[in-house]
Amino acid sequence: MVVIPQMQKYKDDQRDQWQSRSHRAEWARMLRHVRKMARDDRQNLTMISGEIQLETRAAMDLKVGFRVDQLVASGIAHPP
């Protein structure tokens, strides 16, 4: 980001990512909490979230036979 000045405008977007260093501990804590919820309730868990630029699906299989799914939807209110 420092070497190419035009890329600095994306610095804040990079920090907003769950997996960035500034959020890594919080991200791990949330994953532990979600995993515990699925285990304690003995059921699959689906999380729904949003992101402006993409949509995706992720799955985390738990050792106890349950799964956590995440569905990320792109904003539909924005024109293409």
C-alpha atoms as a PDB file:
ATOM      1  CA  MET A   1       0.000   0.000   0.000  1.00  0.00           C
ATOM      2  CA  VAL A   2       2.899   2.362   0.683  1.00  0.00           C
ATOM      3  CA  VAL A   3       4.797   1.540  -2.515  1.00  0.00           C
ATOM      4  CA  ILE A   4       1.842   2.270  -4.823  1.00  0.00           C
ATOM      5  CA  PRO A   5       0.111   5.445  -3.583  1.00  0.00           C
ATOM      6  CA  GLN A   6      -3.055   4.778  -5.632  1.00  0.00           C
ATOM      7  CA  MET A   7      -3.653   1.614  -3.571  1.00  0.00           C
ATOM      8  CA  GLN A   8      -3.813   3.535  -0.288  1.00  0.00           C
ATOM      9  CA  LYS A   9      -7.496   4.241  -0.849  1.00  0.00           C
ATOM     10  CA  TYR A  10      -8.098   0.492  -0.233  1.00  0.00           C
ATOM     11  CA  LYS A  11      -6.245   0.418   3.087  1.00  0.00           C
ATOM     12  CA  ASP A  12      -9.412   0.892   5.138  1.00  0.00           C
ATOM     13  CA  ASP A  13     -11.180  -1.894   3.190  1.00  0.00           C
ATOM     14  CA  GLN A  14      -8.323  -4.263   3.991  1.00  0.00           C
ATOM     15  CA  ARG A  15      -8.557  -3.470   7.702  1.00  0.00           C
ATOM     16  CA  ASP A  16     -12.292  -4.175   7.663  1.00  0.00           C
ATOM     17  CA  GLN A  17     -11.747  -7.808   6.687  1.00  0.00           C
ATOM     18  CA  TRP A  18     -12.315 -10.315   9.491  1.00  0.00           C
ATOM     19  CA  GLN A  19      -9.036 -12.034   8.750  1.00  0.00           C
ATOM     20  CA  SER A  20      -6.923  -8.887   8.924  1.00  0.00           C
ATOM     21  CA  ARG A  21      -4.361  -8.781  11.702  1.00  0.00           C
ATOM     22  CA  SER A  22      -6.289  -6.062  13.489  1.00  0.00           C
ATOM     23  CA  HIS A  23      -9.341  -8.363  13.831  1.00  0.00           C
ATOM     24  CA  ARG A  24      -7.710 -11.799  14.030  1.00  0.00           C
ATOM     25  CA  ALA A  25      -8.361 -12.394  17.752  1.00  0.00           C
ATOM     26  CA  GLU A  26     -11.960 -11.218  17.448  1.00  0.00           C
ATOM     27  CA  TRP A  27     -12.490 -13.405  14.360  1.00  0.00           C
ATOM     28  CA  ALA A  28     -11.137 -16.507  16.144  1.00  0.00           C
ATOM     29  CA  ARG A  29     -13.276 -15.758  19.209  1.00  0.00           C
ATOM     30  CA  MET A  30     -16.400 -15.454  17.046  1.00  0.00           C
ATOM     31  CA  LEU A  31     -15.675 -18.740  15.252  1.00  0.00           C
ATOM     32  CA  ARG A  32     -15.261 -20.492  18.617  1.00  0.00           C
ATOM     33  CA  HIS A  33     -18.566 -19.009  19.797  1.00  0.00           C
ATOM     34  CA  VAL A  34     -20.422 -20.062  16.632  1.00  0.00           C
ATOM     35  CA  ARG A  35     -18.949 -23.562  16.839  1.00  0.00           C
ATOM     36  CA  LYS A  36     -20.024 -23.811  20.485  1.00  0.00           C
ATOM     37  CA  MET A  37     -23.563 -22.675  19.609  1.00  0.00           C
ATOM     38  CA  ALA A  38     -23.911 -25.431  17.004  1.00  0.00           C
ATOM     39  CA  ARG A  39     -22.523 -28.069  19.362  1.00  0.00           C
ATOM     40  CA  ASP A  40     -24.593 -26.982  22.380  1.00  0.00           C
ATOM     41  CA  ASP A  41     -27.808 -26.840  20.347  1.00  0.00           C
ATOM     42  CA  ARG A  42     -26.838 -30.040  18.507  1.00  0.00           C
ATOM     43  CA  GLN A  43     -27.849 -28.677  15.136  1.00  0.00           C
ATOM     44  CA  ASN A  44     -26.490 -27.108  11.970  1.00  0.00           C
ATOM     45  CA  LEU A  45     -26.167 -23.347  11.965  1.00  0.00           C
ATOM     46  CA  THR A  46     -26.506 -20.924   9.051  1.00  0.00           C
ATOM     47  CA  MET A  47     -25.178 -17.377   9.178  1.00  0.00           C
ATOM     48  CA  ILE A  48     -26.291 -14.757   6.679  1.00  0.00           C
ATOM     49  CA  SER A  49     -24.236 -11.641   6.014  1.00  0.00           C
ATOM     50  CA  GLY A  50     -23.696  -9.032   3.340  1.00  0.00           C
ATOM     51  CA  GLU A  51     -20.860  -7.528   1.361  1.00  0.00           C
ATOM     52  CA  ILE A  52     -21.033  -4.829  -1.284  1.00  0.00           C
ATOM     53  CA  GLN A  53     -18.657  -6.368  -3.831  1.00  0.00           C
ATOM     54  CA  LEU A  54     -19.260 -10.116  -3.787  1.00  0.00           C
ATOM     55  CA  GLU A  55     -21.376 -13.043  -2.779  1.00  0.00           C
ATOM     56  CA  THR A  56     -20.150 -16.421  -1.594  1.00  0.00           C
ATOM     57  CA  ARG A  57     -20.914 -19.485   0.477  1.00  0.00           C
ATOM     58  CA  ALA A  58     -18.676 -21.158   3.032  1.00  0.00           C
ATOM     59  CA  ALA A  59     -19.047 -24.289   5.145  1.00  0.00           C
ATOM     60  CA  MET A  60     -17.264 -25.345   8.316  1.00  0.00           C
ATOM     61  CA  ASP A  61     -17.710 -29.013   9.212  1.00  0.00           C
ATOM     62  CA  LEU A  62     -17.645 -29.723  12.933  1.00  0.00           C
ATOM     63  CA  LYS A  63     -16.185 -32.932  14.326  1.00  0.00           C
ATOM     64  CA  VAL A  64     -19.456 -33.772  16.080  1.00  0.00           C
ATOM     65  CA  GLY A  65     -21.335 -34.201  12.793  1.00  0.00           C
ATOM     66  CA  PHE A  66     -22.818 -30.750  12.463  1.00  0.00           C
ATOM     67  CA  ARG A  67     -21.954 -27.948  10.068  1.00  0.00           C
ATOM     68  CA  VAL A  68     -21.861 -24.161  10.086  1.00  0.00           C
ATOM     69  CA  ASP A  69     -22.769 -22.530   6.758  1.00  0.00           C
ATOM     70  CA  GLN A  70     -22.225 -18.892   5.896  1.00  0.00           C
ATOM     71  CA  LEU A  71     -24.093 -17.201   3.066  1.00  0.00           C
ATOM     72  CA  VAL A  72     -22.805 -13.800   1.952  1.00  0.00           C
ATOM     73  CA  ALA A  73     -25.089 -11.766  -0.304  1.00  0.00           C
ATOM     74  CA  SER A  74     -24.093  -8.858  -2.458  1.00  0.00           C
ATOM     75  CA  GLY A  75     -26.155  -5.697  -2.061  1.00  0.00           C
ATOM     76  CA  ILE A  76     -29.104  -5.834  -4.436  1.00  0.00           C
ATOM     77  CA  ALA A  77     -30.070  -2.203  -3.987  1.00  0.00           C
ATOM     78  CA  HIS A  78     -27.051  -0.942  -5.899  1.00  0.00           C
ATOM     79  CA  PRO A  79     -27.246  -0.573  -9.683  1.00  0.00           C
ATOM     80  CA  PRO A  80     -24.753  -2.740 -11.615  1.00  0.00           C
END
